[in-house]
Amino acid sequence: MATKLFVGGIPFKATDNDLKEFFATAGTVVSAQIIVDKFSGRSKGFGFVEMSTEEEAKEAVSKLNGADMQGRKILVDEARPMEKREGGFDRPPRP
């Protein structure tokens, strides 16, 4: 298991610091980041937390998955690499 975790269901009013403090109960948090919309600046409701060791990451998953954070149940799982998406601007021009 990697030390980087995906966190879903984060309350929209939560901050990076709130997320870091919440995960500190499971071990040493290296970084905590809530993903925000680049246009509105509002939270997208998910983020990533990096724990200092794999053991602490496993502890965080087992302890905090399904836990209540500011009135919402969060999902905690191992982060996976982003999959390549199809479409976008790389398509050839129409005839």
PDB file of N, CA and C in Angstrom:
ATOM      1  N   MET A   1       0.848  -1.189   0.000  1.00  0.00           N
ATOM      2  CA  MET A   1       0.000   0.000   0.000  1.00  0.00           C
ATOM      3  C   MET A   1       0.884   1.240   0.000  1.00  0.00           C
ATOM      4  N   ALA A   2       0.476   2.220  -0.757  1.00  0.00           N
ATOM      5  CA  ALA A   2       1.210   3.487  -0.824  1.00  0.00           C
ATOM      6  C   ALA A   2       0.842   4.354   0.373  1.00  0.00           C
ATOM      7  N   THR A   3       1.556   5.449   0.528  1.00  0.00           N
ATOM      8  CA  THR A   3       1.272   6.345   1.641  1.00  0.00           C
ATOM      9  C   THR A   3       0.284   7.440   1.262  1.00  0.00           C
ATOM     10  N   LYS A   4      -0.060   7.561  -0.026  1.00  0.00           N
ATOM     11  CA  LYS A   4      -1.003   8.589  -0.470  1.00  0.00           C
ATOM     12  C   LYS A   4      -2.409   8.011  -0.501  1.00  0.00           C
ATOM     13  N   LEU A   5      -3.342   8.740   0.100  1.00  0.00           N
ATOM     14  CA  LEU A   5      -4.718   8.271   0.229  1.00  0.00           C
ATOM     15  C   LEU A   5      -5.688   9.216  -0.481  1.00  0.00           C
ATOM     16  N   PHE A   6      -6.721   8.631  -1.077  1.00  0.00           N
ATOM     17  CA  PHE A   6      -7.827   9.388  -1.657  1.00  0.00           C
ATOM     18  C   PHE A   6      -8.883   9.545  -0.576  1.00  0.00           C
ATOM     19  N   VAL A   7      -9.444  10.730  -0.460  1.00  0.00           N
ATOM     20  CA  VAL A   7     -10.503  10.988   0.518  1.00  0.00           C
ATOM     21  C   VAL A   7     -11.690  11.590  -0.213  1.00  0.00           C
ATOM     22  N   GLY A   8     -12.835  10.914  -0.172  1.00  0.00           N
ATOM     23  CA  GLY A   8     -14.046  11.400  -0.809  1.00  0.00           C
ATOM     24  C   GLY A   8     -15.097  11.762   0.222  1.00  0.00           C
ATOM     25  N   GLY A   9     -16.046  12.575  -0.177  1.00  0.00           N
ATOM     26  CA  GLY A   9     -17.132  12.974   0.718  1.00  0.00           C
ATOM     27  C   GLY A   9     -16.737  14.046   1.712  1.00  0.00           C
ATOM     28  N   ILE A  10     -15.691  14.786   1.406  1.00  0.00           N
ATOM     29  CA  ILE A  10     -15.221  15.839   2.321  1.00  0.00           C
ATOM     30  C   ILE A  10     -16.255  16.964   2.357  1.00  0.00           C
ATOM     31  N   PRO A  11     -16.595  17.461   3.548  1.00  0.00           N
ATOM     32  CA  PRO A  11     -17.535  18.585   3.631  1.00  0.00           C
ATOM     33  C   PRO A  11     -17.012  19.781   2.825  1.00  0.00           C
ATOM     34  N   PHE A  12     -17.913  20.472   2.148  1.00  0.00           N
ATOM     35  CA  PHE A  12     -17.512  21.559   1.266  1.00  0.00           C
ATOM     36  C   PHE A  12     -16.907  22.744   2.008  1.00  0.00           C
ATOM     37  N   LYS A  13     -17.195  22.888   3.298  1.00  0.00           N
ATOM     38  CA  LYS A  13     -16.639  24.006   4.067  1.00  0.00           C
ATOM     39  C   LYS A  13     -15.311  23.661   4.735  1.00  0.00           C
ATOM     40  N   ALA A  14     -14.880  22.395   4.620  1.00  0.00           N
ATOM     41  CA  ALA A  14     -13.627  21.969   5.250  1.00  0.00           C
ATOM     42  C   ALA A  14     -12.430  22.588   4.528  1.00  0.00           C
ATOM     43  N   THR A  15     -11.357  22.810   5.276  1.00  0.00           N
ATOM     44  CA  THR A  15     -10.120  23.360   4.720  1.00  0.00           C
ATOM     45  C   THR A  15      -9.039  22.281   4.708  1.00  0.00           C
ATOM     46  N   ASP A  16      -7.931  22.586   4.041  1.00  0.00           N
ATOM     47  CA  ASP A  16      -6.787  21.664   4.039  1.00  0.00           C
ATOM     48  C   ASP A  16      -6.332  21.371   5.468  1.00  0.00           C
ATOM     49  N   ASN A  17      -6.327  22.410   6.303  1.00  0.00           N
ATOM     50  CA  ASN A  17      -5.898  22.250   7.692  1.00  0.00           C
ATOM     51  C   ASN A  17      -6.866  21.352   8.468  1.00  0.00           C
ATOM     52  N   ASP A  18      -8.175  21.495   8.224  1.00  0.00           N
ATOM     53  CA  ASP A  18      -9.167  20.616   8.868  1.00  0.00           C
ATOM     54  C   ASP A  18      -8.896  19.161   8.500  1.00  0.00           C
ATOM     55  N   LEU A  19      -8.604  18.920   7.229  1.00  0.00           N
ATOM     56  CA  LEU A  19      -8.331  17.568   6.752  1.00  0.00           C
ATOM     57  C   LEU A  19      -7.067  17.014   7.408  1.00  0.00           C
ATOM     58  N   LYS A  20      -6.050  17.846   7.502  1.00  0.00           N
ATOM     59  CA  LYS A  20      -4.785  17.434   8.127  1.00  0.00           C
ATOM     60  C   LYS A  20      -4.993  17.075   9.596  1.00  0.00           C
ATOM     61  N   GLU A  21      -5.719  17.895  10.321  1.00  0.00           N
ATOM     62  CA  GLU A  21      -5.990  17.634  11.741  1.00  0.00           C
ATOM     63  C   GLU A  21      -6.820  16.368  11.922  1.00  0.00           C
ATOM     64  N   PHE A  22      -7.777  16.138  11.037  1.00  0.00           N
ATOM     65  CA  PHE A  22      -8.630  14.962  11.121  1.00  0.00           C
ATOM     66  C   PHE A  22      -7.807  13.688  10.957  1.00  0.00           C
ATOM     67  N   PHE A  23      -6.877  13.679  10.005  1.00  0.00           N
ATOM     68  CA  PHE A  23      -6.053  12.503   9.746  1.00  0.00           C
ATOM     69  C   PHE A  23      -4.901  12.354  10.730  1.00  0.00           C
ATOM     70  N   ALA A  24      -4.575  13.397  11.454  1.00  0.00           N
ATOM     71  CA  ALA A  24      -3.495  13.320  12.440  1.00  0.00           C
ATOM     72  C   ALA A  24      -3.816  12.336  13.560  1.00  0.00           C
ATOM     73  N   THR A  25      -5.088  11.981  13.731  1.00  0.00           N
ATOM     74  CA  THR A  25      -5.456  10.993  14.753  1.00  0.00           C
ATOM     75  C   THR A  25      -4.962   9.598  14.385  1.00  0.00           C
ATOM     76  N   ALA A  26      -4.611   9.384  13.110  1.00  0.00           N
ATOM     77  CA  ALA A  26      -4.145   8.075  12.648  1.00  0.00           C
ATOM     78  C   ALA A  26      -2.628   8.029  12.472  1.00  0.00           C
ATOM     79  N   GLY A  27      -1.947   9.162  12.590  1.00  0.00           N
ATOM     80  CA  GLY A  27      -0.498   9.182  12.426  1.00  0.00           C
ATOM     81  C   GLY A  27      -0.014  10.524  11.908  1.00  0.00           C
ATOM     82  N   THR A  28       1.222  10.527  11.451  1.00  0.00           N
ATOM     83  CA  THR A  28       1.857  11.751  10.972  1.00  0.00           C
ATOM     84  C   THR A  28       1.427  12.048   9.536  1.00  0.00           C
ATOM     85  N   VAL A  29       0.859  13.228   9.337  1.00  0.00           N
ATOM     86  CA  VAL A  29       0.392  13.648   8.023  1.00  0.00           C
ATOM     87  C   VAL A  29       1.483  14.482   7.353  1.00  0.00           C
ATOM     88  N   VAL A  30       1.917  14.033   6.177  1.00  0.00           N
ATOM     89  CA  VAL A  30       2.929  14.760   5.421  1.00  0.00           C
ATOM     90  C   VAL A  30       2.271  15.914   4.670  1.00  0.00           C
ATOM     91  N   SER A  31       1.131  15.648   4.027  1.00  0.00           N
ATOM     92  CA  SER A  31       0.402  16.696   3.311  1.00  0.00           C
ATOM     93  C   SER A  31      -1.073  16.340   3.244  1.00  0.00           C
ATOM     94  N   ALA A  32      -1.904  17.368   3.127  1.00  0.00           N
ATOM     95  CA  ALA A  32      -3.352  17.194   2.988  1.00  0.00           C
ATOM     96  C   ALA A  32      -3.848  18.285   2.049  1.00  0.00           C
ATOM     97  N   GLN A  33      -4.538  17.874   0.987  1.00  0.00           N
ATOM     98  CA  GLN A  33      -4.999  18.846  -0.002  1.00  0.00           C
ATOM     99  C   GLN A  33      -6.409  18.517  -0.458  1.00  0.00           C
ATOM    100  N   ILE A  34      -7.283  19.509  -0.370  1.00  0.00           N
ATOM    101  CA  ILE A  34      -8.637  19.387  -0.896  1.00  0.00           C
ATOM    102  C   ILE A  34      -8.612  19.955  -2.311  1.00  0.00           C
ATOM    103  N   ILE A  35      -9.179  19.234  -3.256  1.00  0.00           N
ATOM    104  CA  ILE A  35      -9.194  19.670  -4.653  1.00  0.00           C
ATOM    105  C   ILE A  35     -10.313  20.694  -4.838  1.00  0.00           C
ATOM    106  N   VAL A  36      -9.964  21.810  -5.472  1.00  0.00           N
ATOM    107  CA  VAL A  36     -10.938  22.886  -5.693  1.00  0.00           C
ATOM    108  C   VAL A  36     -11.128  23.132  -7.187  1.00  0.00           C
ATOM    109  N   ASP A  37     -12.308  23.628  -7.529  1.00  0.00           N
ATOM    110  CA  ASP A  37     -12.622  23.984  -8.905  1.00  0.00           C
ATOM    111  C   ASP A  37     -11.774  25.191  -9.299  1.00  0.00           C
ATOM    112  N   LYS A  38     -11.117  25.111 -10.452  1.00  0.00           N
ATOM    113  CA  LYS A  38     -10.203  26.195 -10.834  1.00  0.00           C
ATOM    114  C   LYS A  38     -10.913  27.487 -11.219  1.00  0.00           C
ATOM    115  N   PHE A  39     -12.189  27.416 -11.549  1.00  0.00           N
ATOM    116  CA  PHE A  39     -12.916  28.620 -11.926  1.00  0.00           C
ATOM    117  C   PHE A  39     -13.629  29.275 -10.749  1.00  0.00           C
ATOM    118  N   SER A  40     -14.322  28.471  -9.939  1.00  0.00           N
ATOM    119  CA  SER A  40     -15.087  29.034  -8.822  1.00  0.00           C
ATOM    120  C   SER A  40     -14.293  29.075  -7.522  1.00  0.00           C
ATOM    121  N   GLY A  41     -13.255  28.229  -7.408  1.00  0.00           N
ATOM    122  CA  GLY A  41     -12.478  28.178  -6.170  1.00  0.00           C
ATOM    123  C   GLY A  41     -13.145  27.377  -5.072  1.00  0.00           C
ATOM    124  N   ARG A  42     -14.296  26.733  -5.386  1.00  0.00           N
ATOM    125  CA  ARG A  42     -15.019  25.935  -4.387  1.00  0.00           C
ATOM    126  C   ARG A  42     -14.503  24.505  -4.359  1.00  0.00           C
ATOM    127  N   SER A  43     -14.631  23.888  -3.202  1.00  0.00           N
ATOM    128  CA  SER A  43     -14.215  22.498  -3.019  1.00  0.00           C
ATOM    129  C   SER A  43     -15.011  21.575  -3.924  1.00  0.00           C
ATOM    130  N   LYS A  44     -14.333  20.543  -4.441  1.00  0.00           N
ATOM    131  CA  LYS A  44     -15.015  19.524  -5.239  1.00  0.00           C
ATOM    132  C   LYS A  44     -15.462  18.358  -4.361  1.00  0.00           C
ATOM    133  N   GLY A  45     -15.166  18.411  -3.065  1.00  0.00           N
ATOM    134  CA  GLY A  45     -15.629  17.378  -2.135  1.00  0.00           C
ATOM    135  C   GLY A  45     -14.717  16.170  -2.029  1.00  0.00           C
ATOM    136  N   PHE A  46     -13.518  16.265  -2.601  1.00  0.00           N
ATOM    137  CA  PHE A  46     -12.556  15.179  -2.434  1.00  0.00           C
ATOM    138  C   PHE A  46     -11.151  15.755  -2.360  1.00  0.00           C
ATOM    139  N   GLY A  47     -10.227  14.925  -1.924  1.00  0.00           N
ATOM    140  CA  GLY A  47      -8.849  15.392  -1.796  1.00  0.00           C
ATOM    141  C   GLY A  47      -7.899  14.236  -1.566  1.00  0.00           C
ATOM    142  N   PHE A  48      -6.672  14.577  -1.198  1.00  0.00           N
ATOM    143  CA  PHE A  48      -5.633  13.585  -0.997  1.00  0.00           C
ATOM    144  C   PHE A  48      -4.869  13.886   0.275  1.00  0.00           C
ATOM    145  N   VAL A  49      -4.515  12.819   0.989  1.00  0.00           N
ATOM    146  CA  VAL A  49      -3.725  12.934   2.207  1.00  0.00           C
ATOM    147  C   VAL A  49      -2.541  12.000   2.062  1.00  0.00           C
ATOM    148  N   GLU A  50      -1.364  12.493   2.409  1.00  0.00           N
ATOM    149  CA  GLU A  50      -0.170  11.652   2.379  1.00  0.00           C
ATOM    150  C   GLU A  50       0.304  11.438   3.809  1.00  0.00           C
ATOM    151  N   MET A  51       0.382  10.171   4.188  1.00  0.00           N
ATOM    152  CA  MET A  51       0.847   9.797   5.524  1.00  0.00           C
ATOM    153  C   MET A  51       2.348   9.490   5.451  1.00  0.00           C
ATOM    154  N   SER A  52       3.045   9.538   6.599  1.00  0.00           N
ATOM    155  CA  SER A  52       4.500   9.378   6.581  1.00  0.00           C
ATOM    156  C   SER A  52       4.954   7.944   6.336  1.00  0.00           C
ATOM    157  N   THR A  53       4.148   6.945   6.719  1.00  0.00           N
ATOM    158  CA  THR A  53       4.533   5.546   6.489  1.00  0.00           C
ATOM    159  C   THR A  53       3.341   4.755   5.966  1.00  0.00           C
ATOM    160  N   GLU A  54       3.633   3.597   5.382  1.00  0.00           N
ATOM    161  CA  GLU A  54       2.563   2.723   4.897  1.00  0.00           C
ATOM    162  C   GLU A  54       1.697   2.222   6.047  1.00  0.00           C
ATOM    163  N   GLU A  55       2.317   1.960   7.193  1.00  0.00           N
ATOM    164  CA  GLU A  55       1.563   1.486   8.359  1.00  0.00           C
ATOM    165  C   GLU A  55       0.544   2.534   8.806  1.00  0.00           C
ATOM    166  N   GLU A  56       0.965   3.800   8.817  1.00  0.00           N
ATOM    167  CA  GLU A  56       0.045   4.871   9.196  1.00  0.00           C
ATOM    168  C   GLU A  56      -1.059   5.038   8.156  1.00  0.00           C
ATOM    169  N   ALA A  57      -0.720   4.833   6.888  1.00  0.00           N
ATOM    170  CA  ALA A  57      -1.734   4.915   5.828  1.00  0.00           C
ATOM    171  C   ALA A  57      -2.775   3.808   6.017  1.00  0.00           C
ATOM    172  N   LYS A  58      -2.325   2.590   6.315  1.00  0.00           N
ATOM    173  CA  LYS A  58      -3.252   1.480   6.568  1.00  0.00           C
ATOM    174  C   LYS A  58      -4.117   1.764   7.788  1.00  0.00           C
ATOM    175  N   GLU A  59      -3.510   2.327   8.820  1.00  0.00           N
ATOM    176  CA  GLU A  59      -4.246   2.688  10.035  1.00  0.00           C
ATOM    177  C   GLU A  59      -5.320   3.730   9.714  1.00  0.00           C
ATOM    178  N   ALA A  60      -4.973   4.713   8.900  1.00  0.00           N
ATOM    179  CA  ALA A  60      -5.934   5.758   8.530  1.00  0.00           C
ATOM    180  C   ALA A  60      -7.102   5.175   7.747  1.00  0.00           C
ATOM    181  N   VAL A  61      -6.831   4.255   6.822  1.00  0.00           N
ATOM    182  CA  VAL A  61      -7.907   3.641   6.044  1.00  0.00           C
ATOM    183  C   VAL A  61      -8.830   2.860   6.968  1.00  0.00           C
ATOM    184  N   SER A  62      -8.252   2.031   7.837  1.00  0.00           N
ATOM    185  CA  SER A  62      -9.093   1.196   8.704  1.00  0.00           C
ATOM    186  C   SER A  62      -9.840   2.015   9.756  1.00  0.00           C
ATOM    187  N   LYS A  63      -9.228   3.072  10.238  1.00  0.00           N
ATOM    188  CA  LYS A  63      -9.827   3.872  11.313  1.00  0.00           C
ATOM    189  C   LYS A  63     -10.804   4.936  10.800  1.00  0.00           C
ATOM    190  N   LEU A  64     -10.486   5.549   9.647  1.00  0.00           N
ATOM    191  CA  LEU A  64     -11.252   6.724   9.217  1.00  0.00           C
ATOM    192  C   LEU A  64     -12.209   6.486   8.051  1.00  0.00           C
ATOM    193  N   ASN A  65     -12.106   5.357   7.347  1.00  0.00           N
ATOM    194  CA  ASN A  65     -13.040   5.079   6.262  1.00  0.00           C
ATOM    195  C   ASN A  65     -14.443   4.926   6.845  1.00  0.00           C
ATOM    196  N   GLY A  66     -15.369   5.750   6.405  1.00  0.00           N
ATOM    197  CA  GLY A  66     -16.734   5.730   6.924  1.00  0.00           C
ATOM    198  C   GLY A  66     -16.935   6.602   8.151  1.00  0.00           C
ATOM    199  N   ALA A  67     -15.869   7.261   8.588  1.00  0.00           N
ATOM    200  CA  ALA A  67     -15.962   8.120   9.776  1.00  0.00           C
ATOM    201  C   ALA A  67     -16.724   9.409   9.444  1.00  0.00           C
ATOM    202  N   ASP A  68     -17.218  10.055  10.480  1.00  0.00           N
ATOM    203  CA  ASP A  68     -17.958  11.302  10.339  1.00  0.00           C
ATOM    204  C   ASP A  68     -17.000  12.485  10.426  1.00  0.00           C
ATOM    205  N   MET A  69     -16.996  13.310   9.400  1.00  0.00           N
ATOM    206  CA  MET A  69     -16.206  14.548   9.400  1.00  0.00           C
ATOM    207  C   MET A  69     -17.149  15.715   9.163  1.00  0.00           C
ATOM    208  N   GLN A  70     -17.338  16.515  10.172  1.00  0.00           N
ATOM    209  CA  GLN A  70     -18.208  17.685  10.104  1.00  0.00           C
ATOM    210  C   GLN A  70     -19.591  17.340   9.553  1.00  0.00           C
ATOM    211  N   GLY A  71     -20.145  16.207   9.978  1.00  0.00           N
ATOM    212  CA  GLY A  71     -21.494  15.826   9.589  1.00  0.00           C
ATOM    213  C   GLY A  71     -21.608  15.006   8.314  1.00  0.00           C
ATOM    214  N   ARG A  72     -20.494  14.667   7.678  1.00  0.00           N
ATOM    215  CA  ARG A  72     -20.523  13.846   6.460  1.00  0.00           C
ATOM    216  C   ARG A  72     -19.636  12.619   6.642  1.00  0.00           C
ATOM    217  N   LYS A  73     -20.115  11.494   6.094  1.00  0.00           N
ATOM    218  CA  LYS A  73     -19.297  10.279   6.109  1.00  0.00           C
ATOM    219  C   LYS A  73     -18.286  10.372   4.986  1.00  0.00           C
ATOM    220  N   ILE A  74     -17.019  10.122   5.318  1.00  0.00           N
ATOM    221  CA  ILE A  74     -15.981  10.196   4.300  1.00  0.00           C
ATOM    222  C   ILE A  74     -15.551   8.805   3.855  1.00  0.00           C
ATOM    223  N   LEU A  75     -15.030   8.751   2.660  1.00  0.00           N
ATOM    224  CA  LEU A  75     -14.480   7.525   2.087  1.00  0.00           C
ATOM    225  C   LEU A  75     -12.970   7.692   2.045  1.00  0.00           C
ATOM    226  N   VAL A  76     -12.239   6.713   2.569  1.00  0.00           N
ATOM    227  CA  VAL A  76     -10.778   6.755   2.556  1.00  0.00           C
ATOM    228  C   VAL A  76     -10.278   5.480   1.907  1.00  0.00           C
ATOM    229  N   ASP A  77      -9.441   5.632   0.892  1.00  0.00           N
ATOM    230  CA  ASP A  77      -8.894   4.480   0.171  1.00  0.00           C
ATOM    231  C   ASP A  77      -7.525   4.856  -0.379  1.00  0.00           C
ATOM    232  N   GLU A  78      -6.780   3.844  -0.788  1.00  0.00           N
ATOM    233  CA  GLU A  78      -5.474   4.080  -1.387  1.00  0.00           C
ATOM    234  C   GLU A  78      -5.654   4.856  -2.691  1.00  0.00           C
ATOM    235  N   ALA A  79      -4.832   5.882  -2.889  1.00  0.00           N
ATOM    236  CA  ALA A  79      -4.897   6.667  -4.123  1.00  0.00           C
ATOM    237  C   ALA A  79      -4.319   5.856  -5.269  1.00  0.00           C
ATOM    238  N   ARG A  80      -4.986   5.932  -6.415  1.00  0.00           N
ATOM    239  CA  ARG A  80      -4.512   5.244  -7.622  1.00  0.00           C
ATOM    240  C   ARG A  80      -4.139   6.296  -8.657  1.00  0.00           C
ATOM    241  N   PRO A  81      -3.234   5.951  -9.582  1.00  0.00           N
ATOM    242  CA  PRO A  81      -2.866   6.924 -10.628  1.00  0.00           C
ATOM    243  C   PRO A  81      -4.077   7.286 -11.483  1.00  0.00           C
ATOM    244  N   MET A  82      -4.095   8.532 -11.938  1.00  0.00           N
ATOM    245  CA  MET A  82      -5.189   8.994 -12.774  1.00  0.00           C
ATOM    246  C   MET A  82      -5.149   8.267 -14.117  1.00  0.00           C
ATOM    247  N   GLU A  83      -6.308   7.796 -14.559  1.00  0.00           N
ATOM    248  CA  GLU A  83      -6.392   7.086 -15.832  1.00  0.00           C
ATOM    249  C   GLU A  83      -6.434   8.081 -16.978  1.00  0.00           C
ATOM    250  N   LYS A  84      -5.861   7.681 -18.101  1.00  0.00           N
ATOM    251  CA  LYS A  84      -5.880   8.534 -19.287  1.00  0.00           C
ATOM    252  C   LYS A  84      -7.302   8.638 -19.816  1.00  0.00           C
ATOM    253  N   ARG A  85      -7.721   9.855 -20.104  1.00  0.00           N
ATOM    254  CA  ARG A  85      -9.074  10.088 -20.607  1.00  0.00           C
ATOM    255  C   ARG A  85      -9.044  10.252 -22.114  1.00  0.00           C
ATOM    256  N   GLU A  86     -10.111   9.822 -22.740  1.00  0.00           N
ATOM    257  CA  GLU A  86     -10.250   9.985 -24.188  1.00  0.00           C
ATOM    258  C   GLU A  86     -10.926  11.311 -24.481  1.00  0.00           C
ATOM    259  N   GLY A  87     -10.721  11.793 -25.687  1.00  0.00           N
ATOM    260  CA  GLY A  87     -11.379  13.029 -26.099  1.00  0.00           C
ATOM    261  C   GLY A  87     -10.505  14.239 -25.839  1.00  0.00           C
ATOM    262  N   GLY A  88     -11.113  15.365 -25.809  1.00  0.00           N
ATOM    263  CA  GLY A  88     -10.378  16.589 -25.581  1.00  0.00           C
ATOM    264  C   GLY A  88      -9.943  17.229 -26.882  1.00  0.00           C
ATOM    265  N   PHE A  89      -8.863  17.961 -26.843  1.00  0.00           N
ATOM    266  CA  PHE A  89      -8.402  18.721 -28.002  1.00  0.00           C
ATOM    267  C   PHE A  89      -7.423  17.956 -28.880  1.00  0.00           C
ATOM    268  N   ASP A  90      -7.111  16.714 -28.531  1.00  0.00           N
ATOM    269  CA  ASP A  90      -6.166  15.931 -29.316  1.00  0.00           C
ATOM    270  C   ASP A  90      -6.812  15.216 -30.494  1.00  0.00           C
ATOM    271  N   ARG A  91      -8.106  15.412 -30.673  1.00  0.00           N
ATOM    272  CA  ARG A  91      -8.807  14.743 -31.776  1.00  0.00           C
ATOM    273  C   ARG A  91      -8.414  15.357 -33.117  1.00  0.00           C
ATOM    274  N   PRO A  92      -8.395  14.548 -34.165  1.00  0.00           N
ATOM    275  CA  PRO A  92      -8.092  15.125 -35.488  1.00  0.00           C
ATOM    276  C   PRO A  92      -9.251  16.007 -35.946  1.00  0.00           C
ATOM    277  N   PRO A  93      -8.962  16.983 -36.799  1.00  0.00           N
ATOM    278  CA  PRO A  93     -10.026  17.880 -37.277  1.00  0.00           C
ATOM    279  C   PRO A  93     -11.048  17.119 -38.128  1.00  0.00           C
ATOM    280  N   ARG A  94     -12.255  17.643 -38.134  1.00  0.00           N
ATOM    281  CA  ARG A  94     -13.318  17.037 -38.952  1.00  0.00           C
ATOM    282  C   ARG A  94     -13.058  17.307 -40.428  1.00  0.00           C
ATOM    283  N   PRO A  95     -13.452  16.367 -41.286  1.00  0.00           N
ATOM    284  CA  PRO A  95     -13.249  16.595 -42.727  1.00  0.00           C
ATOM    285  C   PRO A  95     -14.174  17.655 -43.283  1.00  0.00           C
TER     286      PRO A  95
END
